[in-house]
PDB file of N, CA and C in Angstrom:
ATOM      1  N   UNK A   1     -12.467   5.814 -14.593  1.00  0.00           N
ATOM      2  CA  UNK A   1     -12.090   4.627 -13.838  1.00  0.00           C
ATOM      3  C   UNK A   1     -11.469   5.039 -12.504  1.00  0.00           C
ATOM      4  N   UNK A   2     -11.647   4.197 -11.514  1.00  0.00           N
ATOM      5  CA  UNK A   2     -11.109   4.457 -10.184  1.00  0.00           C
ATOM      6  C   UNK A   2      -9.582   4.404 -10.199  1.00  0.00           C
ATOM      7  N   UNK A   3      -8.968   5.102  -9.261  1.00  0.00           N
ATOM      8  CA  UNK A   3      -7.506   5.092  -9.147  1.00  0.00           C
ATOM      9  C   UNK A   3      -6.999   3.712  -8.748  1.00  0.00           C
ATOM     10  N   UNK A   4      -7.727   3.048  -7.853  1.00  0.00           N
ATOM     11  CA  UNK A   4      -7.301   1.749  -7.331  1.00  0.00           C
ATOM     12  C   UNK A   4      -8.467   0.763  -7.374  1.00  0.00           C
ATOM     13  N   UNK A   5      -8.166  -0.437  -7.859  1.00  0.00           N
ATOM     14  CA  UNK A   5      -9.114  -1.547  -7.800  1.00  0.00           C
ATOM     15  C   UNK A   5      -8.515  -2.618  -6.896  1.00  0.00           C
ATOM     16  N   UNK A   6      -9.334  -3.178  -6.035  1.00  0.00           N
ATOM     17  CA  UNK A   6      -8.921  -4.273  -5.165  1.00  0.00           C
ATOM     18  C   UNK A   6      -9.710  -5.504  -5.597  1.00  0.00           C
ATOM     19  N   UNK A   7      -8.989  -6.489  -6.113  1.00  0.00           N
ATOM     20  CA  UNK A   7      -9.639  -7.688  -6.648  1.00  0.00           C
ATOM     21  C   UNK A   7     -10.748  -7.312  -7.633  1.00  0.00           C
ATOM     22  N   UNK A   8     -10.484  -6.303  -8.453  1.00  0.00           N
ATOM     23  CA  UNK A   8     -11.409  -5.880  -9.497  1.00  0.00           C
ATOM     24  C   UNK A   8     -12.494  -4.921  -9.068  1.00  0.00           C
ATOM     25  N   UNK A   9     -12.545  -4.562  -7.794  1.00  0.00           N
ATOM     26  CA  UNK A   9     -13.594  -3.679  -7.271  1.00  0.00           C
ATOM     27  C   UNK A   9     -12.976  -2.324  -6.910  1.00  0.00           C
ATOM     28  N   UNK A  10     -13.612  -1.243  -7.371  1.00  0.00           N
ATOM     29  CA  UNK A  10     -13.127   0.113  -7.086  1.00  0.00           C
ATOM     30  C   UNK A  10     -13.248   0.424  -5.598  1.00  0.00           C
ATOM     31  N   UNK A  11     -12.236   1.108  -5.072  1.00  0.00           N
ATOM     32  CA  UNK A  11     -12.282   1.599  -3.694  1.00  0.00           C
ATOM     33  C   UNK A  11     -12.181   3.122  -3.732  1.00  0.00           C
ATOM     34  N   UNK A  12     -12.580   3.737  -2.643  1.00  0.00           N
ATOM     35  CA  UNK A  12     -12.506   5.192  -2.520  1.00  0.00           C
ATOM     36  C   UNK A  12     -11.083   5.656  -2.827  1.00  0.00           C
ATOM     37  N   UNK A  13     -10.954   6.703  -3.613  1.00  0.00           N
ATOM     38  CA  UNK A  13      -9.638   7.227  -3.957  1.00  0.00           C
ATOM     39  C   UNK A  13      -8.930   7.699  -2.690  1.00  0.00           C
ATOM     40  N   UNK A  14      -7.685   7.273  -2.470  1.00  0.00           N
ATOM     41  CA  UNK A  14      -6.978   7.676  -1.255  1.00  0.00           C
ATOM     42  C   UNK A  14      -6.599   9.153  -1.277  1.00  0.00           C
ATOM     43  N   UNK A  15      -6.446   9.727  -0.092  1.00  0.00           N
ATOM     44  CA  UNK A  15      -5.978  11.109   0.036  1.00  0.00           C
ATOM     45  C   UNK A  15      -4.498  11.193  -0.271  1.00  0.00           C
ATOM     46  N   UNK A  16      -3.789  10.108   0.004  1.00  0.00           N
ATOM     47  CA  UNK A  16      -2.346  10.048  -0.242  1.00  0.00           C
ATOM     48  C   UNK A  16      -1.993   8.696  -0.839  1.00  0.00           C
ATOM     49  N   UNK A  17      -1.195   8.736  -1.911  1.00  0.00           N
ATOM     50  CA  UNK A  17      -0.741   7.533  -2.599  1.00  0.00           C
ATOM     51  C   UNK A  17       0.749   7.728  -2.865  1.00  0.00           C
ATOM     52  N   UNK A  18       1.578   6.856  -2.327  1.00  0.00           N
ATOM     53  CA  UNK A  18       3.024   6.975  -2.522  1.00  0.00           C
ATOM     54  C   UNK A  18       3.563   5.645  -3.045  1.00  0.00           C
ATOM     55  N   UNK A  19       4.157   5.687  -4.247  1.00  0.00           N
ATOM     56  CA  UNK A  19       4.680   4.495  -4.913  1.00  0.00           C
ATOM     57  C   UNK A  19       6.152   4.339  -4.559  1.00  0.00           C
ATOM     58  N   UNK A  20       6.596   3.104  -4.332  1.00  0.00           N
ATOM     59  CA  UNK A  20       7.999   2.840  -4.056  1.00  0.00           C
ATOM     60  C   UNK A  20       8.452   1.547  -4.711  1.00  0.00           C
ATOM     61  N   UNK A  21       9.761   1.417  -4.886  1.00  0.00           N
ATOM     62  CA  UNK A  21      10.355   0.223  -5.481  1.00  0.00           C
ATOM     63  C   UNK A  21      11.479  -0.254  -4.570  1.00  0.00           C
ATOM     64  N   UNK A  22      11.422  -1.511  -4.176  1.00  0.00           N
ATOM     65  CA  UNK A  22      12.438  -2.084  -3.292  1.00  0.00           C
ATOM     66  C   UNK A  22      13.241  -3.130  -4.042  1.00  0.00           C
ATOM     67  N   UNK A  23      14.547  -3.097  -3.859  1.00  0.00           N
ATOM     68  CA  UNK A  23      15.408  -4.153  -4.373  1.00  0.00           C
ATOM     69  C   UNK A  23      15.474  -5.281  -3.349  1.00  0.00           C
ATOM     70  N   UNK A  24      15.403  -6.504  -3.826  1.00  0.00           N
ATOM     71  CA  UNK A  24      15.585  -7.677  -2.977  1.00  0.00           C
ATOM     72  C   UNK A  24      16.931  -8.271  -3.366  1.00  0.00           C
ATOM     73  N   UNK A  25      17.835  -8.351  -2.400  1.00  0.00           N
ATOM     74  CA  UNK A  25      19.188  -8.846  -2.660  1.00  0.00           C
ATOM     75  C   UNK A  25      19.350 -10.271  -2.174  1.00  0.00           C
ATOM     76  N   UNK A  26      20.248 -11.014  -2.828  1.00  0.00           N
ATOM     77  CA  UNK A  26      20.527 -12.389  -2.456  1.00  0.00           C
ATOM     78  C   UNK A  26      21.262 -12.483  -1.129  1.00  0.00           C
ATOM     79  N   UNK A  27      21.291 -13.689  -0.575  1.00  0.00           N
ATOM     80  CA  UNK A  27      21.955 -13.912   0.714  1.00  0.00           C
ATOM     81  C   UNK A  27      23.444 -13.624   0.666  1.00  0.00           C
ATOM     82  N   UNK A  28      24.042 -13.728  -0.511  1.00  0.00           N
ATOM     83  CA  UNK A  28      25.478 -13.507  -0.618  1.00  0.00           C
ATOM     84  C   UNK A  28      25.827 -12.039  -0.869  1.00  0.00           C
ATOM     85  N   UNK A  29      24.860 -11.144  -0.731  1.00  0.00           N
ATOM     86  CA  UNK A  29      25.113  -9.715  -0.904  1.00  0.00           C
ATOM     87  C   UNK A  29      25.824  -9.159   0.321  1.00  0.00           C
ATOM     88  N   UNK A  30      26.534  -8.071   0.114  1.00  0.00           N
ATOM     89  CA  UNK A  30      27.205  -7.407   1.227  1.00  0.00           C
ATOM     90  C   UNK A  30      28.522  -6.801   0.791  1.00  0.00           C
ATOM     91  N   UNK A  31      29.169  -6.140   1.726  1.00  0.00           N
ATOM     92  CA  UNK A  31      30.454  -5.507   1.451  1.00  0.00           C
ATOM     93  C   UNK A  31      31.595  -6.489   1.714  1.00  0.00           C
ATOM     94  N   UNK A  32      32.545  -6.459   0.823  1.00  0.00           N
ATOM     95  CA  UNK A  32      33.754  -7.255   1.021  1.00  0.00           C
ATOM     96  C   UNK A  32      34.761  -6.405   1.780  1.00  0.00           C
ATOM     97  N   UNK A  33      35.881  -6.994   2.140  1.00  0.00           N
ATOM     98  CA  UNK A  33      36.863  -6.274   2.955  1.00  0.00           C
ATOM     99  C   UNK A  33      37.476  -5.081   2.235  1.00  0.00           C
ATOM    100  N   UNK A  34      37.363  -5.034   0.911  1.00  0.00           N
ATOM    101  CA  UNK A  34      37.861  -3.861   0.192  1.00  0.00           C
ATOM    102  C   UNK A  34      36.795  -2.768   0.127  1.00  0.00           C
ATOM    103  N   UNK A  35      35.722  -2.913   0.875  1.00  0.00           N
ATOM    104  CA  UNK A  35      34.601  -1.977   1.038  1.00  0.00           C
ATOM    105  C   UNK A  35      33.707  -1.839  -0.189  1.00  0.00           C
ATOM    106  N   UNK A  36      33.854  -2.715  -1.153  1.00  0.00           N
ATOM    107  CA  UNK A  36      32.992  -2.670  -2.333  1.00  0.00           C
ATOM    108  C   UNK A  36      31.708  -3.443  -2.037  1.00  0.00           C
ATOM    109  N   UNK A  37      30.575  -2.822  -2.379  1.00  0.00           N
ATOM    110  CA  UNK A  37      29.277  -3.469  -2.164  1.00  0.00           C
ATOM    111  C   UNK A  37      28.969  -4.396  -3.324  1.00  0.00           C
ATOM    112  N   UNK A  38      28.590  -5.616  -2.995  1.00  0.00           N
ATOM    113  CA  UNK A  38      28.161  -6.608  -3.969  1.00  0.00           C
ATOM    114  C   UNK A  38      26.684  -6.880  -3.679  1.00  0.00           C
ATOM    115  N   UNK A  39      25.834  -6.188  -4.412  1.00  0.00           N
ATOM    116  CA  UNK A  39      24.408  -6.175  -4.111  1.00  0.00           C
ATOM    117  C   UNK A  39      23.685  -7.455  -4.512  1.00  0.00           C
ATOM    118  N   UNK A  40      23.974  -8.002  -5.664  1.00  0.00           N
ATOM    119  CA  UNK A  40      23.335  -9.219  -6.152  1.00  0.00           C
ATOM    120  C   UNK A  40      21.806  -9.133  -6.078  1.00  0.00           C
ATOM    121  N   UNK A  41      21.264  -8.136  -6.785  1.00  0.00           N
ATOM    122  CA  UNK A  41      19.813  -7.965  -6.816  1.00  0.00           C
ATOM    123  C   UNK A  41      19.172  -9.165  -7.509  1.00  0.00           C
ATOM    124  N   UNK A  42      18.205  -9.786  -6.811  1.00  0.00           N
ATOM    125  CA  UNK A  42      17.527 -10.940  -7.394  1.00  0.00           C
ATOM    126  C   UNK A  42      16.085 -10.615  -7.797  1.00  0.00           C
ATOM    127  N   UNK A  43      15.560  -9.497  -7.301  1.00  0.00           N
ATOM    128  CA  UNK A  43      14.192  -9.105  -7.659  1.00  0.00           C
ATOM    129  C   UNK A  43      13.960  -7.656  -7.273  1.00  0.00           C
ATOM    130  N   UNK A  44      12.902  -7.098  -7.822  1.00  0.00           N
ATOM    131  CA  UNK A  44      12.412  -5.787  -7.415  1.00  0.00           C
ATOM    132  C   UNK A  44      10.933  -5.933  -7.098  1.00  0.00           C
ATOM    133  N   UNK A  45      10.496  -5.292  -6.026  1.00  0.00           N
ATOM    134  CA  UNK A  45       9.109  -5.389  -5.585  1.00  0.00           C
ATOM    135  C   UNK A  45       8.551  -3.989  -5.319  1.00  0.00           C
ATOM    136  N   UNK A  46       7.289  -3.817  -5.665  1.00  0.00           N
ATOM    137  CA  UNK A  46       6.611  -2.543  -5.430  1.00  0.00           C
ATOM    138  C   UNK A  46       6.143  -2.448  -3.988  1.00  0.00           C
ATOM    139  N   UNK A  47       6.098  -1.222  -3.494  1.00  0.00           N
ATOM    140  CA  UNK A  47       5.520  -0.929  -2.194  1.00  0.00           C
ATOM    141  C   UNK A  47       4.689   0.333  -2.360  1.00  0.00           C
ATOM    142  N   UNK A  48       3.462   0.298  -1.884  1.00  0.00           N
ATOM    143  CA  UNK A  48       2.559   1.435  -2.018  1.00  0.00           C
ATOM    144  C   UNK A  48       2.060   1.823  -0.634  1.00  0.00           C
ATOM    145  N   UNK A  49       2.200   3.112  -0.298  1.00  0.00           N
ATOM    146  CA  UNK A  49       1.668   3.640   0.957  1.00  0.00           C
ATOM    147  C   UNK A  49       0.368   4.372   0.649  1.00  0.00           C
ATOM    148  N   UNK A  50      -0.673   4.036   1.388  1.00  0.00           N
ATOM    149  CA  UNK A  50      -1.985   4.634   1.162  1.00  0.00           C
ATOM    150  C   UNK A  50      -2.529   5.232   2.448  1.00  0.00           C
ATOM    151  N   UNK A  51      -3.256   6.333   2.315  1.00  0.00           N
ATOM    152  CA  UNK A  51      -3.994   6.872   3.458  1.00  0.00           C
ATOM    153  C   UNK A  51      -5.221   7.627   2.968  1.00  0.00           C
ATOM    154  N   UNK A  52      -6.253   7.586   3.784  1.00  0.00           N
ATOM    155  CA  UNK A  52      -7.500   8.290   3.539  1.00  0.00           C
ATOM    156  C   UNK A  52      -7.723   9.218   4.721  1.00  0.00           C
ATOM    157  N   UNK A  53      -7.950  10.487   4.467  1.00  0.00           N
ATOM    158  CA  UNK A  53      -8.130  11.482   5.518  1.00  0.00           C
ATOM    159  C   UNK A  53      -9.600  11.637   5.892  1.00  0.00           C
ATOM    160  N   UNK A  54      -9.867  11.633   7.174  1.00  0.00           N
ATOM    161  CA  UNK A  54     -11.180  11.898   7.778  1.00  0.00           C
ATOM    162  C   UNK A  54     -12.316  11.044   7.231  1.00  0.00           C
ATOM    163  N   UNK A  55     -12.118   9.718   7.118  1.00  0.00           N
ATOM    164  CA  UNK A  55     -13.233   8.889   6.652  1.00  0.00           C
ATOM    165  C   UNK A  55     -14.303   8.737   7.733  1.00  0.00           C
ATOM    166  N   UNK A  56     -15.533   8.548   7.286  1.00  0.00           N
ATOM    167  CA  UNK A  56     -16.620   8.217   8.204  1.00  0.00           C
ATOM    168  C   UNK A  56     -16.409   6.782   8.687  1.00  0.00           C
ATOM    169  N   UNK A  57     -17.127   6.368   9.713  1.00  0.00           N
ATOM    170  CA  UNK A  57     -17.007   4.969  10.147  1.00  0.00           C
ATOM    171  C   UNK A  57     -17.342   3.984   9.025  1.00  0.00           C
ATOM    172  N   UNK A  58     -18.333   4.304   8.209  1.00  0.00           N
ATOM    173  CA  UNK A  58     -18.718   3.418   7.113  1.00  0.00           C
ATOM    174  C   UNK A  58     -17.623   3.374   6.039  1.00  0.00           C
ATOM    175  N   UNK A  59     -17.024   4.522   5.709  1.00  0.00           N
ATOM    176  CA  UNK A  59     -15.939   4.554   4.727  1.00  0.00           C
ATOM    177  C   UNK A  59     -14.721   3.801   5.239  1.00  0.00           C
ATOM    178  N   UNK A  60     -14.378   4.005   6.517  1.00  0.00           N
ATOM    179  CA  UNK A  60     -13.231   3.310   7.109  1.00  0.00           C
ATOM    180  C   UNK A  60     -13.451   1.799   7.062  1.00  0.00           C
ATOM    181  N   UNK A  61     -14.649   1.367   7.423  1.00  0.00           N
ATOM    182  CA  UNK A  61     -14.947  -0.071   7.411  1.00  0.00           C
ATOM    183  C   UNK A  61     -14.848  -0.636   5.993  1.00  0.00           C
ATOM    184  N   UNK A  62     -15.380   0.075   5.014  1.00  0.00           N
ATOM    185  CA  UNK A  62     -15.331  -0.402   3.625  1.00  0.00           C
ATOM    186  C   UNK A  62     -13.892  -0.521   3.142  1.00  0.00           C
ATOM    187  N   UNK A  63     -13.060   0.459   3.468  1.00  0.00           N
ATOM    188  CA  UNK A  63     -11.649   0.433   3.068  1.00  0.00           C
ATOM    189  C   UNK A  63     -10.936  -0.744   3.728  1.00  0.00           C
ATOM    190  N   UNK A  64     -11.084  -0.861   5.042  1.00  0.00           N
ATOM    191  CA  UNK A  64     -10.386  -1.913   5.779  1.00  0.00           C
ATOM    192  C   UNK A  64     -10.855  -3.304   5.362  1.00  0.00           C
ATOM    193  N   UNK A  65     -12.131  -3.465   5.088  1.00  0.00           N
ATOM    194  CA  UNK A  65     -12.634  -4.760   4.643  1.00  0.00           C
ATOM    195  C   UNK A  65     -12.122  -5.117   3.254  1.00  0.00           C
ATOM    196  N   UNK A  66     -12.032  -4.126   2.364  1.00  0.00           N
ATOM    197  CA  UNK A  66     -11.547  -4.390   0.998  1.00  0.00           C
ATOM    198  C   UNK A  66     -10.109  -4.885   1.001  1.00  0.00           C
ATOM    199  N   UNK A  67      -9.301  -4.354   1.924  1.00  0.00           N
ATOM    200  CA  UNK A  67      -7.880  -4.696   1.976  1.00  0.00           C
ATOM    201  C   UNK A  67      -7.583  -5.780   3.015  1.00  0.00           C
ATOM    202  N   UNK A  68      -8.593  -6.461   3.528  1.00  0.00           N
ATOM    203  CA  UNK A  68      -8.395  -7.432   4.604  1.00  0.00           C
ATOM    204  C   UNK A  68      -7.904  -8.812   4.183  1.00  0.00           C
ATOM    205  N   UNK A  69      -8.189  -9.307   2.975  1.00  0.00           N
ATOM    206  CA  UNK A  69      -7.693 -10.652   2.645  1.00  0.00           C
ATOM    207  C   UNK A  69      -6.169 -10.756   2.742  1.00  0.00           C
ATOM    208  N   UNK A  70      -5.700 -11.974   2.935  1.00  0.00           N
ATOM    209  CA  UNK A  70      -4.261 -12.203   3.096  1.00  0.00           C
ATOM    210  C   UNK A  70      -3.469 -11.700   1.891  1.00  0.00           C
ATOM    211  N   UNK A  71      -3.947 -11.994   0.687  1.00  0.00           N
ATOM    212  CA  UNK A  71      -3.328 -11.501  -0.547  1.00  0.00           C
ATOM    213  C   UNK A  71      -4.425 -10.887  -1.404  1.00  0.00           C
ATOM    214  N   UNK A  72      -4.113  -9.789  -2.057  1.00  0.00           N
ATOM    215  CA  UNK A  72      -5.097  -9.108  -2.902  1.00  0.00           C
ATOM    216  C   UNK A  72      -4.450  -8.675  -4.209  1.00  0.00           C
ATOM    217  N   UNK A  73      -5.247  -8.666  -5.262  1.00  0.00           N
ATOM    218  CA  UNK A  73      -4.802  -8.188  -6.569  1.00  0.00           C
ATOM    219  C   UNK A  73      -5.167  -6.705  -6.651  1.00  0.00           C
ATOM    220  N   UNK A  74      -4.155  -5.860  -6.804  1.00  0.00           N
ATOM    221  CA  UNK A  74      -4.359  -4.418  -6.848  1.00  0.00           C
ATOM    222  C   UNK A  74      -4.069  -3.917  -8.261  1.00  0.00           C
ATOM    223  N   UNK A  75      -4.989  -3.138  -8.802  1.00  0.00           N
ATOM    224  CA  UNK A  75      -4.758  -2.414 -10.049  1.00  0.00           C
ATOM    225  C   UNK A  75      -4.541  -0.963  -9.658  1.00  0.00           C
ATOM    226  N   UNK A  76      -3.421  -0.394 -10.093  1.00  0.00           N
ATOM    227  CA  UNK A  76      -2.998   0.920  -9.617  1.00  0.00           C
ATOM    228  C   UNK A  76      -2.122   1.584 -10.688  1.00  0.00           C
ATOM    229  N   UNK A  77      -1.901   2.901 -10.594  1.00  0.00           N
ATOM    230  CA  UNK A  77      -0.983   3.570 -11.517  1.00  0.00           C
ATOM    231  C   UNK A  77       0.465   3.285 -11.094  1.00  0.00           C
ATOM    232  N   UNK A  78       1.228   2.651 -11.966  1.00  0.00           N
ATOM    233  CA  UNK A  78       2.604   2.275 -11.641  1.00  0.00           C
ATOM    234  C   UNK A  78       3.579   3.314 -12.191  1.00  0.00           C
ATOM    235  N   UNK A  79       4.378   3.903 -11.317  1.00  0.00           N
ATOM    236  CA  UNK A  79       5.307   4.957 -11.721  1.00  0.00           C
ATOM    237  C   UNK A  79       6.416   4.440 -12.636  1.00  0.00           C
ATOM    238  N   UNK A  80       6.813   3.195 -12.479  1.00  0.00           N
ATOM    239  CA  UNK A  80       7.911   2.643 -13.281  1.00  0.00           C
ATOM    240  C   UNK A  80       7.493   2.428 -14.735  1.00  0.00           C
ATOM    241  N   UNK A  81       6.302   1.923 -14.947  1.00  0.00           N
ATOM    242  CA  UNK A  81       5.850   1.647 -16.313  1.00  0.00           C
ATOM    243  C   UNK A  81       5.084   2.808 -16.931  1.00  0.00           C
ATOM    244  N   UNK A  82       4.569   3.709 -16.097  1.00  0.00           N
ATOM    245  CA  UNK A  82       3.768   4.810 -16.607  1.00  0.00           C
ATOM    246  C   UNK A  82       2.373   4.390 -17.021  1.00  0.00           C
ATOM    247  N   UNK A  83       1.953   3.207 -16.613  1.00  0.00           N
ATOM    248  CA  UNK A  83       0.640   2.685 -16.980  1.00  0.00           C
ATOM    249  C   UNK A  83       0.004   2.022 -15.761  1.00  0.00           C
ATOM    250  N   UNK A  84      -1.263   1.663 -15.894  1.00  0.00           N
ATOM    251  CA  UNK A  84      -1.901   0.901 -14.835  1.00  0.00           C
ATOM    252  C   UNK A  84      -1.387  -0.528 -14.875  1.00  0.00           C
ATOM    253  N   UNK A  85      -1.142  -1.082 -13.707  1.00  0.00           N
ATOM    254  CA  UNK A  85      -0.685  -2.465 -13.601  1.00  0.00           C
ATOM    255  C   UNK A  85      -1.526  -3.173 -12.558  1.00  0.00           C
ATOM    256  N   UNK A  86      -1.568  -4.475 -12.649  1.00  0.00           N
ATOM    257  CA  UNK A  86      -2.233  -5.307 -11.654  1.00  0.00           C
ATOM    258  C   UNK A  86      -1.202  -6.281 -11.119  1.00  0.00           C
ATOM    259  N   UNK A  87      -1.010  -6.249  -9.814  1.00  0.00           N
ATOM    260  CA  UNK A  87      -0.046  -7.119  -9.141  1.00  0.00           C
ATOM    261  C   UNK A  87      -0.648  -7.618  -7.838  1.00  0.00           C
ATOM    262  N   UNK A  88      -0.056  -8.680  -7.306  1.00  0.00           N
ATOM    263  CA  UNK A  88      -0.524  -9.246  -6.039  1.00  0.00           C
ATOM    264  C   UNK A  88       0.263  -8.630  -4.892  1.00  0.00           C
ATOM    265  N   UNK A  89      -0.453  -8.173  -3.883  1.00  0.00           N
ATOM    266  CA  UNK A  89       0.138  -7.521  -2.711  1.00  0.00           C
ATOM    267  C   UNK A  89      -0.380  -8.172  -1.439  1.00  0.00           C
ATOM    268  N   UNK A  90       0.312  -7.889  -0.345  1.00  0.00           N
ATOM    269  CA  UNK A  90      -0.218  -8.151   0.982  1.00  0.00           C
ATOM    270  C   UNK A  90      -0.170  -6.839   1.743  1.00  0.00           C
ATOM    271  N   UNK A  91      -0.949  -6.761   2.814  1.00  0.00           N
ATOM    272  CA  UNK A  91      -1.125  -5.501   3.536  1.00  0.00           C
ATOM    273  C   UNK A  91      -0.362  -5.545   4.849  1.00  0.00           C
ATOM    274  N   UNK A  92       0.314  -4.440   5.152  1.00  0.00           N
ATOM    275  CA  UNK A  92       1.011  -4.315   6.430  1.00  0.00           C
ATOM    276  C   UNK A  92       0.042  -3.924   7.538  1.00  0.00           C
ATOM    277  N   UNK A  93       0.598  -3.493   8.654  1.00  0.00           N
ATOM    278  CA  UNK A  93      -0.229  -3.071   9.784  1.00  0.00           C
ATOM    279  C   UNK A  93      -1.105  -1.895   9.379  1.00  0.00           C
ATOM    280  N   UNK A  94      -2.336  -1.901   9.864  1.00  0.00           N
ATOM    281  CA  UNK A  94      -3.298  -0.849   9.548  1.00  0.00           C
ATOM    282  C   UNK A  94      -3.558   0.003  10.777  1.00  0.00           C
ATOM    283  N   UNK A  95      -3.840   1.283  10.553  1.00  0.00           N
ATOM    284  CA  UNK A  95      -4.192   2.155  11.672  1.00  0.00           C
ATOM    285  C   UNK A  95      -5.371   3.035  11.281  1.00  0.00           C
ATOM    286  N   UNK A  96      -6.176   3.378  12.295  1.00  0.00           N
ATOM    287  CA  UNK A  96      -7.329   4.249  12.086  1.00  0.00           C
ATOM    288  C   UNK A  96      -7.605   5.022  13.375  1.00  0.00           C
ATOM    289  N   UNK A  97      -6.766   6.015  13.693  1.00  0.00           N
ATOM    290  CA  UNK A  97      -7.003   6.795  14.911  1.00  0.00           C
ATOM    291  C   UNK A  97      -8.281   7.640  14.786  1.00  0.00           C
ATOM    292  N   UNK A  98      -8.982   7.812  15.891  1.00  0.00           N
ATOM    293  CA  UNK A  98     -10.216   8.589  15.925  1.00  0.00           C
ATOM    294  C   UNK A  98      -9.883  10.078  15.988  1.00  0.00           C
ATOM    295  N   UNK A  99     -10.611  10.863  15.201  1.00  0.00           N
ATOM    296  CA  UNK A  99     -10.438  12.322  15.221  1.00  0.00           C
ATOM    297  C   UNK A  99     -11.497  12.957  16.115  1.00  0.00           C
ATOM    298  N   UNK A 100     -12.755  12.642  15.825  1.00  0.00           N
ATOM    299  CA  UNK A 100     -13.870  13.178  16.604  1.00  0.00           C
ATOM    300  C   UNK A 100     -14.952  12.106  16.671  1.00  0.00           C
ATOM    301  N   UNK A 101     -15.615  12.021  17.815  1.00  0.00           N
ATOM    302  CA  UNK A 101     -16.628  10.984  17.972  1.00  0.00           C
ATOM    303  C   UNK A 101     -17.723  11.512  18.891  1.00  0.00           C
ATOM    304  N   UNK A 102     -18.672  12.245  18.316  1.00  0.00           N
ATOM    305  CA  UNK A 102     -19.803  12.718  19.092  1.00  0.00           C
ATOM    306  C   UNK A 102     -21.070  12.614  18.251  1.00  0.00           C
ATOM    307  N   UNK A 103     -22.193  12.898  18.822  1.00  0.00           N
ATOM    308  CA  UNK A 103     -23.475  12.742  18.131  1.00  0.00           C
ATOM    309  C   UNK A 103     -23.467  13.557  16.848  1.00  0.00           C
ATOM    310  N   UNK A 104     -23.753  12.890  15.755  1.00  0.00           N
ATOM    311  CA  UNK A 104     -23.853  13.559  14.463  1.00  0.00           C
ATOM    312  C   UNK A 104     -22.524  13.832  13.772  1.00  0.00           C
ATOM    313  N   UNK A 105     -21.415  13.538  14.426  1.00  0.00           N
ATOM    314  CA  UNK A 105     -20.109  13.801  13.802  1.00  0.00           C
ATOM    315  C   UNK A 105     -19.102  12.764  14.284  1.00  0.00           C
ATOM    316  N   UNK A 106     -19.010  11.685  13.548  1.00  0.00           N
ATOM    317  CA  UNK A 106     -18.071  10.615  13.878  1.00  0.00           C
ATOM    318  C   UNK A 106     -17.114  10.463  12.710  1.00  0.00           C
ATOM    319  N   UNK A 107     -15.842  10.699  12.986  1.00  0.00           N
ATOM    320  CA  UNK A 107     -14.814  10.621  11.938  1.00  0.00           C
ATOM    321  C   UNK A 107     -13.531  10.038  12.521  1.00  0.00           C
ATOM    322  N   UNK A 108     -12.879   9.273  11.664  1.00  0.00           N
ATOM    323  CA  UNK A 108     -11.520   8.862  11.982  1.00  0.00           C
ATOM    324  C   UNK A 108     -10.580   9.931  11.449  1.00  0.00           C
ATOM    325  N   UNK A 109      -9.450  10.095  12.082  1.00  0.00           N
ATOM    326  CA  UNK A 109      -8.447  11.035  11.583  1.00  0.00           C
ATOM    327  C   UNK A 109      -7.944  10.569  10.216  1.00  0.00           C
ATOM    328  N   UNK A 110      -7.704   9.262  10.124  1.00  0.00           N
ATOM    329  CA  UNK A 110      -7.238   8.682   8.862  1.00  0.00           C
ATOM    330  C   UNK A 110      -7.336   7.167   8.946  1.00  0.00           C
ATOM    331  N   UNK A 111      -7.208   6.557   7.797  1.00  0.00           N
ATOM    332  CA  UNK A 111      -6.973   5.118   7.683  1.00  0.00           C
ATOM    333  C   UNK A 111      -5.709   5.012   6.847  1.00  0.00           C
ATOM    334  N   UNK A 112      -4.720   4.275   7.327  1.00  0.00           N
ATOM    335  CA  UNK A 112      -3.434   4.232   6.619  1.00  0.00           C
ATOM    336  C   UNK A 112      -2.787   2.859   6.747  1.00  0.00           C
ATOM    337  N   UNK A 113      -2.065   2.489   5.668  1.00  0.00           N
ATOM    338  CA  UNK A 113      -1.303   1.238   5.669  1.00  0.00           C
ATOM    339  C   UNK A 113      -0.424   1.177   4.435  1.00  0.00           C
ATOM    340  N   UNK A 114       0.433   0.162   4.401  1.00  0.00           N
ATOM    341  CA  UNK A 114       1.320  -0.062   3.277  1.00  0.00           C
ATOM    342  C   UNK A 114       0.976  -1.384   2.595  1.00  0.00           C
ATOM    343  N   UNK A 115       1.114  -1.392   1.290  1.00  0.00           N
ATOM    344  CA  UNK A 115       0.969  -2.607   0.502  1.00  0.00           C
ATOM    345  C   UNK A 115       2.341  -3.028   0.035  1.00  0.00           C
ATOM    346  N   UNK A 116       2.675  -4.294   0.186  1.00  0.00           N
ATOM    347  CA  UNK A 116       3.947  -4.816  -0.279  1.00  0.00           C
ATOM    348  C   UNK A 116       3.665  -5.894  -1.329  1.00  0.00           C
ATOM    349  N   UNK A 117       4.381  -5.806  -2.431  1.00  0.00           N
ATOM    350  CA  UNK A 117       4.183  -6.783  -3.494  1.00  0.00           C
ATOM    351  C   UNK A 117       4.623  -8.160  -3.015  1.00  0.00           C
ATOM    352  N   UNK A 118       3.826  -9.145  -3.348  1.00  0.00           N
ATOM    353  CA  UNK A 118       4.125 -10.509  -2.919  1.00  0.00           C
ATOM    354  C   UNK A 118       5.338 -11.043  -3.587  1.00  0.00           C
TER     355      UNK A 118
END
């Protein structure tokens, strides 16, 4: 099985996959005058950083198109549970700098972006 599914469809395995967990704190969180932090965690959300090294123009387009919808269901290996999970994410800013672009050899340096759990 593929490492990552986007809306149930396998995508090319990324060169780099970094899992993260963010705490979401309530509006009343913060330090009081006695310097004690009152975090008031109301949720935890996953964040995944992905990158693909040296994709062809066709591979870059396929990756970017797969992750283009406003919200996507991602199936991925979750470090917290130790199992595959499916969650809804949205995609941050995407980048695809060119590495080389000449006859017979067209490659992007990478395609990279972050996924944030909805």
